[in-house]
Amino acid sequence: MGNIANPDFPVSVSSLHFPSTELPSVSQTLASLRRSALSVNNRLRSIDADAAFVREVADHYGLPLVANERCGSWYIPPEIKSGSAYFKSTDGHTGQWDFSFRRLNLQILPLAREHGGCIIVDSTRRGKLMPDALSKTIPIWCAVFNRALFPSETTYHSVELPPNYLGPSEESQIAKRIDSFVHSLKSLKLDLDDLRKQLGKPIRVAWANRTYFHPTDLRKSEDCNLFVLCSASKRVHGAEISEGGYIQGAGDDSEAWAHGLTPPVFWAHKHTLLARSEEDLPEVIENLTRENCKQTSGQQATPVTPSRNLYISQGDPGLAENDIYDLVIDCNGTPEATEATESNPKRLNLGCISSKQGGRDLRNHLDKVRDFVASHLSSNPSQSLLVMCESGKDLSAGALLTIICLFYNDAGTPLYQHHFKLFLN
C-alpha cells in the first residue's frame, strides 16, 4: 500500500500547476509601479516644485511670465501670469519646421515692448531637455519677425538656437527656410509698420532650464527685447519610478490625468490638494471644480471689439438661458442637440469635445456656424450673438473668427443684408 502513488499529489514536473492568476507578472508589476509613480498627487507635487524654478527664472531676469498653452499655465500662479502664447512643438519637429499663420502670437508684441521682453514657460515629458516649441518653433518665429519688421537690423537676422542641442545639418536647414517664411508673412498684408511699433525693438533669445542659463550674461537692454525660453521641468533620463515621485513635464496632456482640474483651481487650492491622498483626490477635485463653476457663473461675457453685437465667454448656463443675448452658439453644447431646433431656434449647440481634438470637431461644424449666423443676421444684423466654450478662449475664439471673417468688415460693422443671404440655401 505504501508504494501506491496518491492521485491527489503531482507525480511529474509537467503536472505542476502554479497560481499564475494570483501573482502578477513582472510586466504587470512594473506597469502598476509606473501608474503609482504617475499618480495625480505626484504630478501636482512635481508641478509645484517646477513652479518654484520658474519663479527663480522670473526673479533672475525681471521679466513677465507668459505661458505657452496649455502646459505652461500649470507652472505659473495666475497672479504672476502676464499672458499666454500658442507655439506648437509640431512646428519645430525635425523636417517639419514651420512658421504658423494660424498662431501668429501677435499679442506678445506689446507686452514685450512694455517690459523689454518676456519669459515663455513650457515643459516636456521624460527624456528631453526642452520641448521643440522652445528649441525651434519660437526661435524660428523670432527670426521671422526680426527680418520682417527690422530689415536693416541685420545683427538680429540669424536664427538663434540653443547651444550644442541640434546638429549642424538641422541648424542649416532651418536657417535656409527663414526667408521663405518672411515672404509668406508679408503676403498676409499685415500692417508691418504697426507691428513694428508694437514690438519696438528686435528680439534676442535666451534659454533657461535646469541644466543652464544661456547666454549667462544676457539681460534685457535698450537695444533689444529679450525672450527667455524657460523649460520648467528637470530632465529625467530613466523611468519615473527612479525619481522618488518626481514627474518631468507633469502638466502635459492634463486631459488624461487631471479629472477636470484646471491651473487656476489648482493654484487657488494648492495646499488642500497637496495634503490629500491619491484615493481622495478625484472627489476633492470634483468638489473644488464644481464650487469654482458656481463662483464664476453669472459673470458677464466679454464684448468682441470693434463689433457692437458679438460676445465671448466661458460656458455658462446662466448667460445662455436668461435671454440676455439674442443668439447663442455653445461650442461644447450637448451632442444630443447639435442643431438649432424649433423649440429653441436661436441657440446652436455644436457638441465639440474639449480636448485637443476639439479643434477638428469645430472645423467640421463651421458650416453650421455659417448657416446659423447667416439665417439670423440676414433679417436683423444688430442682434447680439454670444459664442461660448469651456474655457472661453479656445473653440469660441475660433468660431468667432470665422463669423467675423465671413460677415463683418474691418471696422466691426456687419456687412449688408444681401451678403448674409448669399450663404443661405
Foldseek 3Di string as FASTA:
>chain_A
DVPDDDPVDDDDPVPDDDPDVVDDDPVVVVVVLQCVLLFPLLLLVQLAVLLVVVVVVCVVFVFAEEEQPDLRLLSHAPVRHDYYAHFDLQCQPQPNPDADPVGLRLVVQLSLQVGLAHEYEAFDFADDQGGSSLFGRVLLSLLLLCCLQPVPPVVSNQRDGDPPPDDPVRSVVSRVCSVVNNVVVVVVVDPSVVSCVSNVAGEDEWEDGPVDTPPPPDHRDPHHRYYYYYHRGDHDHDRSSVVVSHTTSSSPPCVVHVLPDGSNLCSVCVVVQSPDDSVCNNVVRVVSVVVVLVVCAPDDFDDDPPADAETFDADHCVVVPPPPFQAEEEACPDPVFQAQDPVGNRYGYQNADDGPCSVVSLVVCLLRLLQSLLVPCLVPVRGHYYYYYNGRPPSSVVSVVSCCVQAHDPNNHGDHSVSSVVSYD
